[in-house]
Amino acid sequence: FRVDIREIESALLEMEEVAEAACVPWRDEATEQHLSAFIVCRPGSHLSSRAARARLLARLPEWKTPAHVHVIDDLPTTLTGKPDRRALESR
């Protein structure tokens, strides 16, 4: 399946608790490709990884939903201010 990660990031950003979001592909030991999402919550808000993934499953097909959603304090960025996906791949 072809997945546009911008669609997933957009769905995450529509959640009122989410301030920033990024999605990256990764491969497991069996060389299957999966997606991981990283979210930063707005100040004073809380959203668990499980709840964020459940909300995504309600909006997107399962094959478009990241296998893991990680709640982090801040997204690493490149010099141009875009999410540093390479840095996220190593988390």
PDB file of N, CA and C in Angstrom:
ATOM      1  N   PHE A   1       0.824  -1.183   0.000  1.00  0.00           N
ATOM      2  CA  PHE A   1       0.000   0.000   0.000  1.00  0.00           C
ATOM      3  C   PHE A   1       0.872   1.252   0.000  1.00  0.00           C
ATOM      4  N   ARG A   2       0.399   2.262  -0.683  1.00  0.00           N
ATOM      5  CA  ARG A   2       1.102   3.538  -0.680  1.00  0.00           C
ATOM      6  C   ARG A   2       0.457   4.432   0.374  1.00  0.00           C
ATOM      7  N   VAL A   3       1.274   4.971   1.248  1.00  0.00           N
ATOM      8  CA  VAL A   3       0.781   5.799   2.341  1.00  0.00           C
ATOM      9  C   VAL A   3       1.428   7.179   2.245  1.00  0.00           C
ATOM     10  N   ASP A   4       0.610   8.205   2.299  1.00  0.00           N
ATOM     11  CA  ASP A   4       1.111   9.578   2.328  1.00  0.00           C
ATOM     12  C   ASP A   4       1.189   9.990   3.799  1.00  0.00           C
ATOM     13  N   ILE A   5       2.401  10.129   4.305  1.00  0.00           N
ATOM     14  CA  ILE A   5       2.545  10.427   5.734  1.00  0.00           C
ATOM     15  C   ILE A   5       1.959  11.783   6.102  1.00  0.00           C
ATOM     16  N   ARG A   6       1.823  12.681   5.126  1.00  0.00           N
ATOM     17  CA  ARG A   6       1.202  13.982   5.406  1.00  0.00           C
ATOM     18  C   ARG A   6      -0.251  13.814   5.833  1.00  0.00           C
ATOM     19  N   GLU A   7      -0.923  12.804   5.276  1.00  0.00           N
ATOM     20  CA  GLU A   7      -2.311  12.540   5.665  1.00  0.00           C
ATOM     21  C   GLU A   7      -2.391  12.109   7.137  1.00  0.00           C
ATOM     22  N   ILE A   8      -1.450  11.288   7.563  1.00  0.00           N
ATOM     23  CA  ILE A   8      -1.418  10.831   8.950  1.00  0.00           C
ATOM     24  C   ILE A   8      -1.080  11.994   9.874  1.00  0.00           C
ATOM     25  N   GLU A   9      -0.080  12.774   9.496  1.00  0.00           N
ATOM     26  CA  GLU A   9       0.304  13.935  10.310  1.00  0.00           C
ATOM     27  C   GLU A   9      -0.851  14.928  10.418  1.00  0.00           C
ATOM     28  N   SER A  10      -1.571  15.118   9.343  1.00  0.00           N
ATOM     29  CA  SER A  10      -2.722  16.016   9.352  1.00  0.00           C
ATOM     30  C   SER A  10      -3.798  15.514  10.309  1.00  0.00           C
ATOM     31  N   ALA A  11      -4.063  14.214  10.280  1.00  0.00           N
ATOM     32  CA  ALA A  11      -5.062  13.631  11.196  1.00  0.00           C
ATOM     33  C   ALA A  11      -4.625  13.809  12.648  1.00  0.00           C
ATOM     34  N   LEU A  12      -3.341  13.680  12.919  1.00  0.00           N
ATOM     35  CA  LEU A  12      -2.838  13.888  14.274  1.00  0.00           C
ATOM     36  C   LEU A  12      -2.977  15.354  14.690  1.00  0.00           C
ATOM     37  N   LEU A  13      -2.663  16.258  13.792  1.00  0.00           N
ATOM     38  CA  LEU A  13      -2.724  17.686  14.107  1.00  0.00           C
ATOM     39  C   LEU A  13      -4.156  18.184  14.307  1.00  0.00           C
ATOM     40  N   GLU A  14      -5.131  17.439  13.823  1.00  0.00           N
ATOM     41  CA  GLU A  14      -6.527  17.811  14.038  1.00  0.00           C
ATOM     42  C   GLU A  14      -6.990  17.487  15.459  1.00  0.00           C
ATOM     43  N   MET A  15      -6.217  16.709  16.186  1.00  0.00           N
ATOM     44  CA  MET A  15      -6.540  16.430  17.586  1.00  0.00           C
ATOM     45  C   MET A  15      -6.173  17.669  18.398  1.00  0.00           C
ATOM     46  N   GLU A  16      -7.111  18.160  19.198  1.00  0.00           N
ATOM     47  CA  GLU A  16      -6.892  19.434  19.889  1.00  0.00           C
ATOM     48  C   GLU A  16      -5.710  19.411  20.846  1.00  0.00           C
ATOM     49  N   GLU A  17      -5.322  18.245  21.343  1.00  0.00           N
ATOM     50  CA  GLU A  17      -4.192  18.159  22.281  1.00  0.00           C
ATOM     51  C   GLU A  17      -2.838  18.219  21.585  1.00  0.00           C
ATOM     52  N   VAL A  18      -2.805  17.990  20.287  1.00  0.00           N
ATOM     53  CA  VAL A  18      -1.537  17.854  19.563  1.00  0.00           C
ATOM     54  C   VAL A  18      -1.076  19.185  18.977  1.00  0.00           C
ATOM     55  N   ALA A  19       0.141  19.586  19.337  1.00  0.00           N
ATOM     56  CA  ALA A  19       0.736  20.815  18.826  1.00  0.00           C
ATOM     57  C   ALA A  19       1.595  20.540  17.593  1.00  0.00           C
ATOM     58  N   GLU A  20       2.336  19.431  17.619  1.00  0.00           N
ATOM     59  CA  GLU A  20       3.227  19.072  16.512  1.00  0.00           C
ATOM     60  C   GLU A  20       3.153  17.569  16.297  1.00  0.00           C
ATOM     61  N   ALA A  21       3.377  17.162  15.044  1.00  0.00           N
ATOM     62  CA  ALA A  21       3.349  15.736  14.731  1.00  0.00           C
ATOM     63  C   ALA A  21       4.271  15.439  13.561  1.00  0.00           C
ATOM     64  N   ALA A  22       4.849  14.249  13.592  1.00  0.00           N
ATOM     65  CA  ALA A  22       5.682  13.773  12.489  1.00  0.00           C
ATOM     66  C   ALA A  22       5.543  12.256  12.429  1.00  0.00           C
ATOM     67  N   CYS A  23       5.666  11.732  11.245  1.00  0.00           N
ATOM     68  CA  CYS A  23       5.536  10.293  11.029  1.00  0.00           C
ATOM     69  C   CYS A  23       6.745   9.819  10.225  1.00  0.00           C
ATOM     70  N   VAL A  24       7.311   8.678  10.614  1.00  0.00           N
ATOM     71  CA  VAL A  24       8.478   8.145   9.916  1.00  0.00           C
ATOM     72  C   VAL A  24       8.329   6.637   9.708  1.00  0.00           C
ATOM     73  N   PRO A  25       8.864   6.131   8.599  1.00  0.00           N
ATOM     74  CA  PRO A  25       8.863   4.683   8.384  1.00  0.00           C
ATOM     75  C   PRO A  25      10.035   4.032   9.113  1.00  0.00           C
ATOM     76  N   TRP A  26       9.894   2.754   9.445  1.00  0.00           N
ATOM     77  CA  TRP A  26      10.990   1.968  10.021  1.00  0.00           C
ATOM     78  C   TRP A  26      10.793   0.512   9.636  1.00  0.00           C
ATOM     79  N   ARG A  27      11.869  -0.239   9.673  1.00  0.00           N
ATOM     80  CA  ARG A  27      11.827  -1.667   9.327  1.00  0.00           C
ATOM     81  C   ARG A  27      12.138  -2.497  10.553  1.00  0.00           C
ATOM     82  N   ASP A  28      11.422  -3.610  10.701  1.00  0.00           N
ATOM     83  CA  ASP A  28      11.717  -4.510  11.818  1.00  0.00           C
ATOM     84  C   ASP A  28      12.714  -5.562  11.362  1.00  0.00           C
ATOM     85  N   GLU A  29      13.026  -6.508  12.236  1.00  0.00           N
ATOM     86  CA  GLU A  29      14.013  -7.551  11.925  1.00  0.00           C
ATOM     87  C   GLU A  29      13.607  -8.389  10.723  1.00  0.00           C
ATOM     88  N   ALA A  30      12.320  -8.522  10.487  1.00  0.00           N
ATOM     89  CA  ALA A  30      11.823  -9.309   9.349  1.00  0.00           C
ATOM     90  C   ALA A  30      11.781  -8.464   8.075  1.00  0.00           C
ATOM     91  N   THR A  31      12.326  -7.274   8.124  1.00  0.00           N
ATOM     92  CA  THR A  31      12.380  -6.311   7.017  1.00  0.00           C
ATOM     93  C   THR A  31      11.009  -5.852   6.547  1.00  0.00           C
ATOM     94  N   GLU A  32      10.009  -5.971   7.415  1.00  0.00           N
ATOM     95  CA  GLU A  32       8.709  -5.409   7.085  1.00  0.00           C
ATOM     96  C   GLU A  32       8.729  -3.931   7.452  1.00  0.00           C
ATOM     97  N   GLN A  33       8.109  -3.104   6.603  1.00  0.00           N
ATOM     98  CA  GLN A  33       8.093  -1.672   6.870  1.00  0.00           C
ATOM     99  C   GLN A  33       6.848  -1.302   7.675  1.00  0.00           C
ATOM    100  N   HIS A  34       7.048  -0.448   8.659  1.00  0.00           N
ATOM    101  CA  HIS A  34       5.985   0.033   9.529  1.00  0.00           C
ATOM    102  C   HIS A  34       6.106   1.549   9.638  1.00  0.00           C
ATOM    103  N   LEU A  35       5.129   2.162  10.282  1.00  0.00           N
ATOM    104  CA  LEU A  35       5.175   3.596  10.539  1.00  0.00           C
ATOM    105  C   LEU A  35       5.171   3.859  12.036  1.00  0.00           C
ATOM    106  N   SER A  36       5.898   4.877  12.428  1.00  0.00           N
ATOM    107  CA  SER A  36       5.858   5.381  13.799  1.00  0.00           C
ATOM    108  C   SER A  36       5.478   6.851  13.729  1.00  0.00           C
ATOM    109  N   ALA A  37       4.640   7.273  14.659  1.00  0.00           N
ATOM    110  CA  ALA A  37       4.272   8.680  14.740  1.00  0.00           C
ATOM    111  C   ALA A  37       4.822   9.249  16.039  1.00  0.00           C
ATOM    112  N   PHE A  38       5.185  10.518  15.980  1.00  0.00           N
ATOM    113  CA  PHE A  38       5.694  11.236  17.137  1.00  0.00           C
ATOM    114  C   PHE A  38       4.839  12.484  17.308  1.00  0.00           C
ATOM    115  N   ILE A  39       4.340  12.695  18.518  1.00  0.00           N
ATOM    116  CA  ILE A  39       3.506  13.864  18.765  1.00  0.00           C
ATOM    117  C   ILE A  39       4.027  14.650  19.966  1.00  0.00           C
ATOM    118  N   VAL A  40       3.817  15.953  19.903  1.00  0.00           N
ATOM    119  CA  VAL A  40       4.109  16.857  21.011  1.00  0.00           C
ATOM    120  C   VAL A  40       2.768  17.457  21.413  1.00  0.00           C
ATOM    121  N   CYS A  41       2.427  17.315  22.672  1.00  0.00           N
ATOM    122  CA  CYS A  41       1.145  17.845  23.164  1.00  0.00           C
ATOM    123  C   CYS A  41       1.257  19.337  23.443  1.00  0.00           C
ATOM    124  N   ARG A  42       0.128  20.004  23.319  1.00  0.00           N
ATOM    125  CA  ARG A  42       0.049  21.429  23.660  1.00  0.00           C
ATOM    126  C   ARG A  42       0.276  21.592  25.169  1.00  0.00           C
ATOM    127  N   PRO A  43       0.812  22.724  25.583  1.00  0.00           N
ATOM    128  CA  PRO A  43       1.003  22.958  27.019  1.00  0.00           C
ATOM    129  C   PRO A  43      -0.324  22.803  27.773  1.00  0.00           C
ATOM    130  N   GLY A  44      -0.279  22.071  28.857  1.00  0.00           N
ATOM    131  CA  GLY A  44      -1.463  21.849  29.673  1.00  0.00           C
ATOM    132  C   GLY A  44      -2.346  20.716  29.188  1.00  0.00           C
ATOM    133  N   SER A  45      -2.005  20.110  28.048  1.00  0.00           N
ATOM    134  CA  SER A  45      -2.786  18.995  27.509  1.00  0.00           C
ATOM    135  C   SER A  45      -2.032  17.701  27.688  1.00  0.00           C
ATOM    136  N   HIS A  46      -2.771  16.628  27.705  1.00  0.00           N
ATOM    137  CA  HIS A  46      -2.163  15.301  27.772  1.00  0.00           C
ATOM    138  C   HIS A  46      -2.933  14.371  26.844  1.00  0.00           C
ATOM    139  N   LEU A  47      -2.202  13.567  26.130  1.00  0.00           N
ATOM    140  CA  LEU A  47      -2.789  12.549  25.256  1.00  0.00           C
ATOM    141  C   LEU A  47      -1.858  11.353  25.304  1.00  0.00           C
ATOM    142  N   SER A  48      -2.381  10.207  25.675  1.00  0.00           N
ATOM    143  CA  SER A  48      -1.537   9.020  25.745  1.00  0.00           C
ATOM    144  C   SER A  48      -1.309   8.460  24.344  1.00  0.00           C
ATOM    145  N   SER A  49      -0.261   7.688  24.222  1.00  0.00           N
ATOM    146  CA  SER A  49       0.042   7.024  22.948  1.00  0.00           C
ATOM    147  C   SER A  49      -1.118   6.148  22.510  1.00  0.00           C
ATOM    148  N   ARG A  50      -1.662   5.408  23.456  1.00  0.00           N
ATOM    149  CA  ARG A  50      -2.769   4.493  23.163  1.00  0.00           C
ATOM    150  C   ARG A  50      -4.006   5.250  22.668  1.00  0.00           C
ATOM    151  N   ALA A  51      -4.337   6.367  23.339  1.00  0.00           N
ATOM    152  CA  ALA A  51      -5.508   7.152  22.949  1.00  0.00           C
ATOM    153  C   ALA A  51      -5.320   7.786  21.566  1.00  0.00           C
ATOM    154  N   ALA A  52      -4.122   8.284  21.294  1.00  0.00           N
ATOM    155  CA  ALA A  52      -3.849   8.881  19.985  1.00  0.00           C
ATOM    156  C   ALA A  52      -3.990   7.845  18.878  1.00  0.00           C
ATOM    157  N   ARG A  53      -3.458   6.655  19.104  1.00  0.00           N
ATOM    158  CA  ARG A  53      -3.561   5.593  18.093  1.00  0.00           C
ATOM    159  C   ARG A  53      -5.014   5.172  17.903  1.00  0.00           C
ATOM    160  N   ALA A  54      -5.776   5.082  18.982  1.00  0.00           N
ATOM    161  CA  ALA A  54      -7.192   4.711  18.888  1.00  0.00           C
ATOM    162  C   ALA A  54      -7.966   5.742  18.073  1.00  0.00           C
ATOM    163  N   ARG A  55      -7.675   7.006  18.286  1.00  0.00           N
ATOM    164  CA  ARG A  55      -8.352   8.052  17.506  1.00  0.00           C
ATOM    165  C   ARG A  55      -7.977   7.975  16.033  1.00  0.00           C
ATOM    166  N   LEU A  56      -6.722   7.667  15.760  1.00  0.00           N
ATOM    167  CA  LEU A  56      -6.315   7.501  14.361  1.00  0.00           C
ATOM    168  C   LEU A  56      -7.050   6.329  13.717  1.00  0.00           C
ATOM    169  N   LEU A  57      -7.169   5.234  14.448  1.00  0.00           N
ATOM    170  CA  LEU A  57      -7.880   4.057  13.917  1.00  0.00           C
ATOM    171  C   LEU A  57      -9.344   4.368  13.609  1.00  0.00           C
ATOM    172  N   ALA A  58      -9.921   5.316  14.329  1.00  0.00           N
ATOM    173  CA  ALA A  58     -11.306   5.707  14.073  1.00  0.00           C
ATOM    174  C   ALA A  58     -11.434   6.540  12.796  1.00  0.00           C
ATOM    175  N   ARG A  59     -10.329   7.151  12.369  1.00  0.00           N
ATOM    176  CA  ARG A  59     -10.344   8.025  11.185  1.00  0.00           C
ATOM    177  C   ARG A  59      -9.707   7.423   9.947  1.00  0.00           C
ATOM    178  N   LEU A  60      -8.706   6.570  10.160  1.00  0.00           N
ATOM    179  CA  LEU A  60      -7.922   6.036   9.046  1.00  0.00           C
ATOM    180  C   LEU A  60      -8.017   4.516   9.013  1.00  0.00           C
ATOM    181  N   PRO A  61      -7.829   3.930   7.831  1.00  0.00           N
ATOM    182  CA  PRO A  61      -7.774   2.464   7.793  1.00  0.00           C
ATOM    183  C   PRO A  61      -6.589   1.955   8.605  1.00  0.00           C
ATOM    184  N   GLU A  62      -6.681   0.739   9.079  1.00  0.00           N
ATOM    185  CA  GLU A  62      -5.608   0.188   9.923  1.00  0.00           C
ATOM    186  C   GLU A  62      -4.261   0.201   9.219  1.00  0.00           C
ATOM    187  N   TRP A  63      -4.249  -0.049   7.917  1.00  0.00           N
ATOM    188  CA  TRP A  63      -2.970  -0.096   7.201  1.00  0.00           C
ATOM    189  C   TRP A  63      -2.322   1.279   7.068  1.00  0.00           C
ATOM    190  N   LYS A  64      -3.078   2.352   7.323  1.00  0.00           N
ATOM    191  CA  LYS A  64      -2.503   3.701   7.319  1.00  0.00           C
ATOM    192  C   LYS A  64      -2.145   4.178   8.723  1.00  0.00           C
ATOM    193  N   THR A  65      -2.560   3.455   9.728  1.00  0.00           N
ATOM    194  CA  THR A  65      -2.339   3.870  11.103  1.00  0.00           C
ATOM    195  C   THR A  65      -0.966   3.407  11.585  1.00  0.00           C
ATOM    196  N   PRO A  66      -0.157   4.309  12.133  1.00  0.00           N
ATOM    197  CA  PRO A  66       1.169   3.921  12.622  1.00  0.00           C
ATOM    198  C   PRO A  66       1.094   2.807  13.657  1.00  0.00           C
ATOM    199  N   ALA A  67       2.066   1.921  13.607  1.00  0.00           N
ATOM    200  CA  ALA A  67       2.137   0.825  14.567  1.00  0.00           C
ATOM    201  C   ALA A  67       2.390   1.359  15.972  1.00  0.00           C
ATOM    202  N   HIS A  68       3.118   2.455  16.054  1.00  0.00           N
ATOM    203  CA  HIS A  68       3.464   3.055  17.343  1.00  0.00           C
ATOM    204  C   HIS A  68       3.255   4.563  17.281  1.00  0.00           C
ATOM    205  N   VAL A  69       2.731   5.121  18.352  1.00  0.00           N
ATOM    206  CA  VAL A  69       2.634   6.567  18.511  1.00  0.00           C
ATOM    207  C   VAL A  69       3.407   6.908  19.775  1.00  0.00           C
ATOM    208  N   HIS A  70       4.363   7.797  19.630  1.00  0.00           N
ATOM    209  CA  HIS A  70       5.218   8.189  20.749  1.00  0.00           C
ATOM    210  C   HIS A  70       4.910   9.635  21.134  1.00  0.00           C
ATOM    211  N   VAL A  71       4.686   9.867  22.396  1.00  0.00           N
ATOM    212  CA  VAL A  71       4.493  11.227  22.905  1.00  0.00           C
ATOM    213  C   VAL A  71       5.862  11.702  23.393  1.00  0.00           C
ATOM    214  N   ILE A  72       6.344  12.793  22.806  1.00  0.00           N
ATOM    215  CA  ILE A  72       7.670  13.314  23.145  1.00  0.00           C
ATOM    216  C   ILE A  72       7.552  14.780  23.548  1.00  0.00           C
ATOM    217  N   ASP A  73       8.595  15.303  24.185  1.00  0.00           N
ATOM    218  CA  ASP A  73       8.574  16.686  24.661  1.00  0.00           C
ATOM    219  C   ASP A  73       8.723  17.705  23.547  1.00  0.00           C
ATOM    220  N   ASP A  74       9.566  17.393  22.556  1.00  0.00           N
ATOM    221  CA  ASP A  74       9.730  18.296  21.418  1.00  0.00           C
ATOM    222  C   ASP A  74      10.248  17.525  20.216  1.00  0.00           C
ATOM    223  N   LEU A  75       9.876  18.019  19.037  1.00  0.00           N
ATOM    224  CA  LEU A  75      10.338  17.388  17.797  1.00  0.00           C
ATOM    225  C   LEU A  75      11.707  17.947  17.428  1.00  0.00           C
ATOM    226  N   PRO A  76      12.645  17.071  17.100  1.00  0.00           N
ATOM    227  CA  PRO A  76      13.914  17.584  16.582  1.00  0.00           C
ATOM    228  C   PRO A  76      13.663  18.211  15.208  1.00  0.00           C
ATOM    229  N   THR A  77      14.343  19.303  14.923  1.00  0.00           N
ATOM    230  CA  THR A  77      14.143  19.976  13.642  1.00  0.00           C
ATOM    231  C   THR A  77      15.468  20.151  12.907  1.00  0.00           C
ATOM    232  N   THR A  78      15.343  20.324  11.607  1.00  0.00           N
ATOM    233  CA  THR A  78      16.506  20.604  10.772  1.00  0.00           C
ATOM    234  C   THR A  78      16.806  22.099  10.860  1.00  0.00           C
ATOM    235  N   LEU A  79      17.852  22.533  10.198  1.00  0.00           N
ATOM    236  CA  LEU A  79      18.199  23.950  10.197  1.00  0.00           C
ATOM    237  C   LEU A  79      17.102  24.806   9.580  1.00  0.00           C
ATOM    238  N   THR A  80      16.288  24.214   8.709  1.00  0.00           N
ATOM    239  CA  THR A  80      15.211  24.964   8.058  1.00  0.00           C
ATOM    240  C   THR A  80      13.911  24.926   8.865  1.00  0.00           C
ATOM    241  N   GLY A  81      13.926  24.272  10.030  1.00  0.00           N
ATOM    242  CA  GLY A  81      12.762  24.244  10.891  1.00  0.00           C
ATOM    243  C   GLY A  81      11.784  23.115  10.616  1.00  0.00           C
ATOM    244  N   LYS A  82      12.124  22.233   9.695  1.00  0.00           N
ATOM    245  CA  LYS A  82      11.256  21.094   9.402  1.00  0.00           C
ATOM    246  C   LYS A  82      11.599  19.947  10.357  1.00  0.00           C
ATOM    247  N   PRO A  83      10.637  19.022  10.588  1.00  0.00           N
ATOM    248  CA  PRO A  83      10.949  17.874  11.462  1.00  0.00           C
ATOM    249  C   PRO A  83      12.148  17.088  10.933  1.00  0.00           C
ATOM    250  N   ASP A  84      13.073  16.775  11.821  1.00  0.00           N
ATOM    251  CA  ASP A  84      14.259  15.997  11.450  1.00  0.00           C
ATOM    252  C   ASP A  84      13.896  14.519  11.522  1.00  0.00           C
ATOM    253  N   ARG A  85      13.467  13.978  10.402  1.00  0.00           N
ATOM    254  CA  ARG A  85      12.984  12.594  10.350  1.00  0.00           C
ATOM    255  C   ARG A  85      14.101  11.586  10.620  1.00  0.00           C
ATOM    256  N   ARG A  86      15.314  11.910  10.220  1.00  0.00           N
ATOM    257  CA  ARG A  86      16.443  11.001  10.509  1.00  0.00           C
ATOM    258  C   ARG A  86      16.658  10.866  12.010  1.00  0.00           C
ATOM    259  N   ALA A  87      16.555  11.979  12.719  1.00  0.00           N
ATOM    260  CA  ALA A  87      16.718  11.929  14.176  1.00  0.00           C
ATOM    261  C   ALA A  87      15.585  11.131  14.807  1.00  0.00           C
ATOM    262  N   LEU A  88      14.390  11.255  14.257  1.00  0.00           N
ATOM    263  CA  LEU A  88      13.253  10.494  14.798  1.00  0.00           C
ATOM    264  C   LEU A  88      13.382   9.002  14.517  1.00  0.00           C
ATOM    265  N   GLU A  89      13.958   8.646  13.381  1.00  0.00           N
ATOM    266  CA  GLU A  89      14.126   7.223  13.030  1.00  0.00           C
ATOM    267  C   GLU A  89      14.993   6.497  14.051  1.00  0.00           C
ATOM    268  N   SER A  90      15.894   7.199  14.695  1.00  0.00           N
ATOM    269  CA  SER A  90      16.796   6.573  15.647  1.00  0.00           C
ATOM    270  C   SER A  90      16.208   6.476  17.052  1.00  0.00           C
ATOM    271  N   ARG A  91      15.023   7.000  17.274  1.00  0.00           N
ATOM    272  CA  ARG A  91      14.380   6.956  18.612  1.00  0.00           C
ATOM    273  C   ARG A  91      13.655   5.669  18.821  1.00  0.00           C
TER     274      ARG A  91
END
